[in-house]
Amino acid sequence: MTEETGYWDSQAATFDHEPDHGLLDPQVRQAWQRLLLAELPAAPAAVADLGCGTGTLSVLLAAEGYAVTGLDFAPQMIRAARAKARAAGVSARFELSDAAAPSLPAASFDVVLARHVLWAMPDTGDALEAWLRLLLPGGLLVLVEGRWSTGAGLTAEEAGRAVLRHRADATITVLSDPALWGAPVTDERYLLVSRR
C-alpha cells in the first residue's frame, strides 16, 4: 500500500461528513442531482465514476437508472461505496483501480465523470488520455474541479487548456451556489463538460 492510498483509506470513515462528499443533506443532494442530470445523457447510459471515493455520486446516479462503474484506488473507499450502494438498494459496480490508469475497458462508457480528481493526477495530460479512451464515440467528459483556498487544485483556465489539448470543446460553469457545498464558498469551483 502506498502512502497516498493509506491516507485515503484513513479518510474513508469520515469522508462523508463534508456536505458535498456524503450528500446527507437533502438540499445538497438535490443540488448535485439537478446539476448532473442536466448534463448527462438519459439513463441507462453507462457512467464511469473515476476516483469515486465513498461512491456518493455513483449511488446518486445508479438510483436514477444509470449503469455506473465506480473506481477508486483506496480499498476502504471501495468498501464504503459498496456498502452505500447496498444500503440504498441500487446496483452499481465498484472496482479497485487507480484513476491515473483505470483498469476499465476502452470505448465502453457514455460518460466519464470525475469529481475533484484531475488536480491530484501525477500528469493531467496522461490521465485525460486514459479517461477519454474509455468513452464511446460521442461520449461525454464531466469534471468537477476547483482551485481551493489551500492553494491546491486547478484553475478553470488550467483545466480547460488541459482538456482542449485532447477535445474540441470544454464548457466551464462556475459552481458558486452554496446549495452544492452546504455553505457559501469563496474559492474557485467549477463544472467542465466536454462533448466532442
C-alpha atoms as a PDB file:
ATOM      1  CA  MET A   1       0.000   0.000   0.000  1.00  0.00           C
ATOM      2  CA  THR A   2       1.359   3.399  -0.947  1.00  0.00           C
ATOM      3  CA  GLU A   3       1.414   6.336   1.443  1.00  0.00           C
ATOM      4  CA  GLU A   4      -1.230   8.066  -0.679  1.00  0.00           C
ATOM      5  CA  THR A   5      -3.521   5.024  -0.655  1.00  0.00           C
ATOM      6  CA  GLY A   6      -3.056   4.738   3.101  1.00  0.00           C
ATOM      7  CA  TYR A   7      -4.037   8.374   3.532  1.00  0.00           C
ATOM      8  CA  TRP A   8      -7.291   7.979   1.576  1.00  0.00           C
ATOM      9  CA  ASP A   9      -8.072   4.708   3.355  1.00  0.00           C
ATOM     10  CA  SER A  10      -7.736   6.586   6.650  1.00  0.00           C
ATOM     11  CA  GLN A  11     -10.234   9.198   5.411  1.00  0.00           C
ATOM     12  CA  ALA A  12     -12.956   6.729   4.385  1.00  0.00           C
ATOM     13  CA  ALA A  13     -14.746   6.580   7.746  1.00  0.00           C
ATOM     14  CA  THR A  14     -15.240  10.358   7.952  1.00  0.00           C
ATOM     15  CA  PHE A  15     -15.177  11.329   4.265  1.00  0.00           C
ATOM     16  CA  ASP A  16     -18.947  11.715   4.029  1.00  0.00           C
ATOM     17  CA  HIS A  17     -19.074  14.258   6.863  1.00  0.00           C
ATOM     18  CA  GLU A  18     -18.341  17.026   4.326  1.00  0.00           C
ATOM     19  CA  PRO A  19     -21.709  18.141   2.902  1.00  0.00           C
ATOM     20  CA  ASP A  20     -20.633  17.748  -0.738  1.00  0.00           C
ATOM     21  CA  HIS A  21     -18.995  14.363  -0.115  1.00  0.00           C
ATOM     22  CA  GLY A  22     -21.796  12.471   1.595  1.00  0.00           C
ATOM     23  CA  LEU A  23     -24.760  14.479   0.238  1.00  0.00           C
ATOM     24  CA  LEU A  24     -26.502  13.667   3.501  1.00  0.00           C
ATOM     25  CA  ASP A  25     -28.392  16.969   3.484  1.00  0.00           C
ATOM     26  CA  PRO A  26     -31.389  16.572   1.128  1.00  0.00           C
ATOM     27  CA  GLN A  27     -30.914  20.094  -0.289  1.00  0.00           C
ATOM     28  CA  VAL A  28     -27.253  19.434  -1.117  1.00  0.00           C
ATOM     29  CA  ARG A  29     -28.164  16.077  -2.641  1.00  0.00           C
ATOM     30  CA  GLN A  30     -30.888  17.662  -4.784  1.00  0.00           C
ATOM     31  CA  ALA A  31     -28.491  20.386  -5.955  1.00  0.00           C
ATOM     32  CA  TRP A  32     -25.989  17.763  -7.196  1.00  0.00           C
ATOM     33  CA  GLN A  33     -28.777  15.703  -8.718  1.00  0.00           C
ATOM     34  CA  ARG A  34     -30.071  18.724 -10.677  1.00  0.00           C
ATOM     35  CA  LEU A  35     -26.563  19.712 -11.775  1.00  0.00           C
ATOM     36  CA  LEU A  36     -25.571  16.285 -13.085  1.00  0.00           C
ATOM     37  CA  LEU A  37     -28.873  15.242 -14.633  1.00  0.00           C
ATOM     38  CA  ALA A  38     -28.958  18.470 -16.631  1.00  0.00           C
ATOM     39  CA  GLU A  39     -25.690  17.467 -18.337  1.00  0.00           C
ATOM     40  CA  LEU A  40     -25.845  13.692 -18.674  1.00  0.00           C
ATOM     41  CA  PRO A  41     -27.473  11.697 -21.458  1.00  0.00           C
ATOM     42  CA  ALA A  42     -30.619   9.838 -20.451  1.00  0.00           C
ATOM     43  CA  ALA A  43     -30.402   6.730 -18.284  1.00  0.00           C
ATOM     44  CA  PRO A  44     -29.457   3.939 -18.616  1.00  0.00           C
ATOM     45  CA  ALA A  45     -26.292   5.469 -20.090  1.00  0.00           C
ATOM     46  CA  ALA A  46     -23.051   3.868 -18.873  1.00  0.00           C
ATOM     47  CA  VAL A  47     -21.085   6.094 -16.481  1.00  0.00           C
ATOM     48  CA  ALA A  48     -17.522   5.607 -15.236  1.00  0.00           C
ATOM     49  CA  ASP A  49     -17.098   7.480 -11.927  1.00  0.00           C
ATOM     50  CA  LEU A  50     -13.323   7.772 -11.592  1.00  0.00           C
ATOM     51  CA  GLY A  51     -11.893   8.369  -8.141  1.00  0.00           C
ATOM     52  CA  CYS A  52     -15.363   7.668  -6.778  1.00  0.00           C
ATOM     53  CA  GLY A  53     -14.371   7.781  -3.106  1.00  0.00           C
ATOM     54  CA  THR A  54     -17.232   6.509  -0.973  1.00  0.00           C
ATOM     55  CA  GLY A  55     -19.429   6.230  -4.054  1.00  0.00           C
ATOM     56  CA  THR A  56     -21.856   9.050  -3.334  1.00  0.00           C
ATOM     57  CA  LEU A  57     -22.216  10.230  -6.937  1.00  0.00           C
ATOM     58  CA  SER A  58     -22.197   6.644  -8.199  1.00  0.00           C
ATOM     59  CA  VAL A  59     -25.108   5.766  -5.930  1.00  0.00           C
ATOM     60  CA  LEU A  60     -26.931   9.006  -6.772  1.00  0.00           C
ATOM     61  CA  LEU A  61     -26.730   8.208 -10.496  1.00  0.00           C
ATOM     62  CA  ALA A  62     -27.479   4.500 -10.078  1.00  0.00           C
ATOM     63  CA  ALA A  63     -30.677   5.491  -8.271  1.00  0.00           C
ATOM     64  CA  GLU A  64     -31.609   7.458 -11.403  1.00  0.00           C
ATOM     65  CA  GLY A  65     -31.189   4.352 -13.568  1.00  0.00           C
ATOM     66  CA  TYR A  66     -27.648   4.849 -14.873  1.00  0.00           C
ATOM     67  CA  ALA A  67     -25.296   1.887 -15.337  1.00  0.00           C
ATOM     68  CA  VAL A  68     -22.490   3.068 -13.062  1.00  0.00           C
ATOM     69  CA  THR A  69     -18.995   1.728 -12.526  1.00  0.00           C
ATOM     70  CA  GLY A  70     -17.128   3.457  -9.716  1.00  0.00           C
ATOM     71  CA  LEU A  71     -13.394   3.175  -9.437  1.00  0.00           C
ATOM     72  CA  ASP A  72     -11.008   4.139  -6.614  1.00  0.00           C
ATOM     73  CA  PHE A  73      -7.523   3.073  -5.551  1.00  0.00           C
ATOM     74  CA  ALA A  74      -8.276   3.090  -1.800  1.00  0.00           C
ATOM     75  CA  PRO A  75      -9.741  -0.244  -0.595  1.00  0.00           C
ATOM     76  CA  GLN A  76     -11.616   1.366   2.316  1.00  0.00           C
ATOM     77  CA  MET A  77     -13.269   3.833  -0.033  1.00  0.00           C
ATOM     78  CA  ILE A  78     -14.428   0.969  -2.262  1.00  0.00           C
ATOM     79  CA  ARG A  79     -15.759  -0.933   0.762  1.00  0.00           C
ATOM     80  CA  ALA A  80     -17.696   2.162   1.844  1.00  0.00           C
ATOM     81  CA  ALA A  81     -19.046   2.640  -1.686  1.00  0.00           C
ATOM     82  CA  ARG A  82     -20.261  -0.954  -1.922  1.00  0.00           C
ATOM     83  CA  ALA A  83     -21.931  -0.669   1.490  1.00  0.00           C
ATOM     84  CA  LYS A  84     -23.584   2.599   0.462  1.00  0.00           C
ATOM     85  CA  ALA A  85     -24.996   1.041  -2.718  1.00  0.00           C
ATOM     86  CA  ARG A  86     -26.338  -1.948  -0.751  1.00  0.00           C
ATOM     87  CA  ALA A  87     -27.946   0.350   1.833  1.00  0.00           C
ATOM     88  CA  ALA A  88     -29.570   2.391  -0.942  1.00  0.00           C
ATOM     89  CA  GLY A  89     -30.770  -0.748  -2.725  1.00  0.00           C
ATOM     90  CA  VAL A  90     -29.128   0.221  -6.013  1.00  0.00           C
ATOM     91  CA  SER A  91     -26.956  -1.672  -8.439  1.00  0.00           C
ATOM     92  CA  ALA A  92     -23.550  -0.103  -9.083  1.00  0.00           C
ATOM     93  CA  ARG A  93     -20.239  -1.801  -9.768  1.00  0.00           C
ATOM     94  CA  PHE A  94     -17.150  -0.733  -7.815  1.00  0.00           C
ATOM     95  CA  GLU A  95     -13.594  -1.644  -8.747  1.00  0.00           C
ATOM     96  CA  LEU A  96     -10.266  -1.140  -7.041  1.00  0.00           C
ATOM     97  CA  SER A  97      -8.051   0.678  -9.556  1.00  0.00           C
ATOM     98  CA  ASP A  98      -6.024   3.862  -9.885  1.00  0.00           C
ATOM     99  CA  ALA A  99      -7.824   6.672 -11.699  1.00  0.00           C
ATOM    100  CA  ALA A 100      -4.486   7.667 -13.256  1.00  0.00           C
ATOM    101  CA  ALA A 101      -4.572   4.414 -15.267  1.00  0.00           C
ATOM    102  CA  PRO A 102      -8.076   2.976 -14.960  1.00  0.00           C
ATOM    103  CA  SER A 103      -8.444  -0.755 -15.491  1.00  0.00           C
ATOM    104  CA  LEU A 104     -11.697  -0.423 -17.392  1.00  0.00           C
ATOM    105  CA  PRO A 105     -12.409  -1.473 -20.987  1.00  0.00           C
ATOM    106  CA  ALA A 106     -11.829   1.107 -23.717  1.00  0.00           C
ATOM    107  CA  ALA A 107     -14.795   2.551 -25.619  1.00  0.00           C
ATOM    108  CA  SER A 108     -17.310   1.252 -23.084  1.00  0.00           C
ATOM    109  CA  PHE A 109     -18.838   4.327 -21.431  1.00  0.00           C
ATOM    110  CA  ASP A 110     -21.179   7.103 -22.475  1.00  0.00           C
ATOM    111  CA  VAL A 111     -19.864   9.320 -19.671  1.00  0.00           C
ATOM    112  CA  VAL A 112     -16.607   9.666 -17.774  1.00  0.00           C
ATOM    113  CA  LEU A 113     -17.216  11.556 -14.538  1.00  0.00           C
ATOM    114  CA  ALA A 114     -14.529  12.685 -12.097  1.00  0.00           C
ATOM    115  CA  ARG A 115     -15.072  14.982  -9.133  1.00  0.00           C
ATOM    116  CA  HIS A 116     -12.017  16.568  -7.504  1.00  0.00           C
ATOM    117  CA  VAL A 117      -9.698  14.009  -9.111  1.00  0.00           C
ATOM    118  CA  LEU A 118      -7.924  15.561 -12.104  1.00  0.00           C
ATOM    119  CA  TRP A 119      -5.974  18.019  -9.956  1.00  0.00           C
ATOM    120  CA  ALA A 120      -4.488  15.104  -7.983  1.00  0.00           C
ATOM    121  CA  MET A 121      -3.213  13.175 -11.007  1.00  0.00           C
ATOM    122  CA  PRO A 122       0.588  12.971 -11.392  1.00  0.00           C
ATOM    123  CA  ASP A 123       0.194  14.004 -15.058  1.00  0.00           C
ATOM    124  CA  THR A 124      -3.119  15.568 -16.064  1.00  0.00           C
ATOM    125  CA  GLY A 125      -2.478  15.007 -19.764  1.00  0.00           C
ATOM    126  CA  ASP A 126      -1.799  11.298 -19.329  1.00  0.00           C
ATOM    127  CA  ALA A 127      -4.840  10.930 -17.072  1.00  0.00           C
ATOM    128  CA  LEU A 128      -7.118  12.669 -19.568  1.00  0.00           C
ATOM    129  CA  GLU A 129      -5.849  10.467 -22.393  1.00  0.00           C
ATOM    130  CA  ALA A 130      -6.597   7.379 -20.321  1.00  0.00           C
ATOM    131  CA  TRP A 131     -10.043   8.681 -19.371  1.00  0.00           C
ATOM    132  CA  LEU A 132     -11.014   9.644 -22.900  1.00  0.00           C
ATOM    133  CA  ARG A 133     -10.090   6.173 -24.156  1.00  0.00           C
ATOM    134  CA  LEU A 134     -12.929   4.831 -22.007  1.00  0.00           C
ATOM    135  CA  LEU A 135     -15.555   6.812 -23.906  1.00  0.00           C
ATOM    136  CA  LEU A 136     -17.722   5.529 -26.690  1.00  0.00           C
ATOM    137  CA  PRO A 137     -17.828   7.726 -29.812  1.00  0.00           C
ATOM    138  CA  GLY A 138     -19.710  10.889 -28.894  1.00  0.00           C
ATOM    139  CA  GLY A 139     -19.104  10.264 -25.203  1.00  0.00           C
ATOM    140  CA  LEU A 140     -19.212  12.971 -22.548  1.00  0.00           C
ATOM    141  CA  LEU A 141     -16.422  14.047 -20.184  1.00  0.00           C
ATOM    142  CA  VAL A 142     -17.717  15.635 -16.957  1.00  0.00           C
ATOM    143  CA  LEU A 143     -15.244  17.099 -14.465  1.00  0.00           C
ATOM    144  CA  VAL A 144     -15.945  18.867 -11.197  1.00  0.00           C
ATOM    145  CA  GLU A 145     -12.783  20.659 -10.126  1.00  0.00           C
ATOM    146  CA  GLY A 146     -11.557  23.706  -8.308  1.00  0.00           C
ATOM    147  CA  ARG A 147      -8.687  25.787  -7.073  1.00  0.00           C
ATOM    148  CA  TRP A 148      -9.188  25.800  -3.337  1.00  0.00           C
ATOM    149  CA  SER A 149      -8.207  28.309  -0.679  1.00  0.00           C
ATOM    150  CA  THR A 150      -5.414  25.919   0.370  1.00  0.00           C
ATOM    151  CA  GLY A 151      -3.705  26.560  -2.986  1.00  0.00           C
ATOM    152  CA  ALA A 152      -4.378  23.014  -4.179  1.00  0.00           C
ATOM    153  CA  GLY A 153      -6.328  22.222  -7.326  1.00  0.00           C
ATOM    154  CA  LEU A 154      -6.575  23.504 -10.881  1.00  0.00           C
ATOM    155  CA  THR A 155      -7.982  26.797 -12.049  1.00  0.00           C
ATOM    156  CA  ALA A 156     -10.768  26.595 -14.614  1.00  0.00           C
ATOM    157  CA  GLU A 157      -8.368  28.027 -17.178  1.00  0.00           C
ATOM    158  CA  GLU A 158      -5.772  25.309 -16.463  1.00  0.00           C
ATOM    159  CA  ALA A 159      -8.335  22.516 -16.645  1.00  0.00           C
ATOM    160  CA  GLY A 160      -9.873  23.947 -19.812  1.00  0.00           C
ATOM    161  CA  ARG A 161      -6.480  24.126 -21.536  1.00  0.00           C
ATOM    162  CA  ALA A 162      -5.678  20.551 -20.496  1.00  0.00           C
ATOM    163  CA  VAL A 163      -8.955  19.223 -21.927  1.00  0.00           C
ATOM    164  CA  LEU A 164      -8.689  21.243 -25.146  1.00  0.00           C
ATOM    165  CA  ARG A 165      -5.392  19.510 -25.923  1.00  0.00           C
ATOM    166  CA  HIS A 166      -7.485  16.350 -26.419  1.00  0.00           C
ATOM    167  CA  ARG A 167     -11.009  17.523 -27.259  1.00  0.00           C
ATOM    168  CA  ALA A 168     -12.673  20.154 -29.431  1.00  0.00           C
ATOM    169  CA  ASP A 169     -14.715  21.754 -26.664  1.00  0.00           C
ATOM    170  CA  ALA A 170     -14.668  22.437 -22.926  1.00  0.00           C
ATOM    171  CA  THR A 171     -17.621  24.302 -21.433  1.00  0.00           C
ATOM    172  CA  ILE A 172     -16.995  25.652 -17.945  1.00  0.00           C
ATOM    173  CA  THR A 173     -19.724  26.585 -15.466  1.00  0.00           C
ATOM    174  CA  VAL A 174     -18.850  28.270 -12.169  1.00  0.00           C
ATOM    175  CA  LEU A 175     -20.239  26.334  -9.194  1.00  0.00           C
ATOM    176  CA  SER A 176     -20.720  29.070  -6.616  1.00  0.00           C
ATOM    177  CA  ASP A 177     -24.203  28.023  -5.460  1.00  0.00           C
ATOM    178  CA  PRO A 178     -23.965  27.343  -1.690  1.00  0.00           C
ATOM    179  CA  ALA A 179     -26.576  24.588  -2.102  1.00  0.00           C
ATOM    180  CA  LEU A 180     -23.908  22.411  -3.775  1.00  0.00           C
ATOM    181  CA  TRP A 181     -21.451  22.762  -0.914  1.00  0.00           C
ATOM    182  CA  GLY A 182     -23.659  23.104   2.139  1.00  0.00           C
ATOM    183  CA  ALA A 183     -22.294  26.619   2.778  1.00  0.00           C
ATOM    184  CA  PRO A 184     -21.075  29.673   0.845  1.00  0.00           C
ATOM    185  CA  VAL A 185     -17.688  29.250  -0.847  1.00  0.00           C
ATOM    186  CA  THR A 186     -15.084  31.853  -1.735  1.00  0.00           C
ATOM    187  CA  ASP A 187     -12.640  29.730  -3.730  1.00  0.00           C
ATOM    188  CA  GLU A 188     -12.902  28.682  -7.385  1.00  0.00           C
ATOM    189  CA  ARG A 189     -15.152  25.689  -8.077  1.00  0.00           C
ATOM    190  CA  TYR A 190     -16.477  24.716 -11.477  1.00  0.00           C
ATOM    191  CA  LEU A 191     -18.002  22.118 -13.750  1.00  0.00           C
ATOM    192  CA  LEU A 192     -16.222  21.323 -17.010  1.00  0.00           C
ATOM    193  CA  VAL A 193     -18.161  19.458 -19.685  1.00  0.00           C
ATOM    194  CA  SER A 194     -16.640  18.282 -22.955  1.00  0.00           C
ATOM    195  CA  ARG A 195     -18.967  16.802 -25.556  1.00  0.00           C
ATOM    196  CA  ARG A 196     -16.576  16.253 -28.500  1.00  0.00           C
END
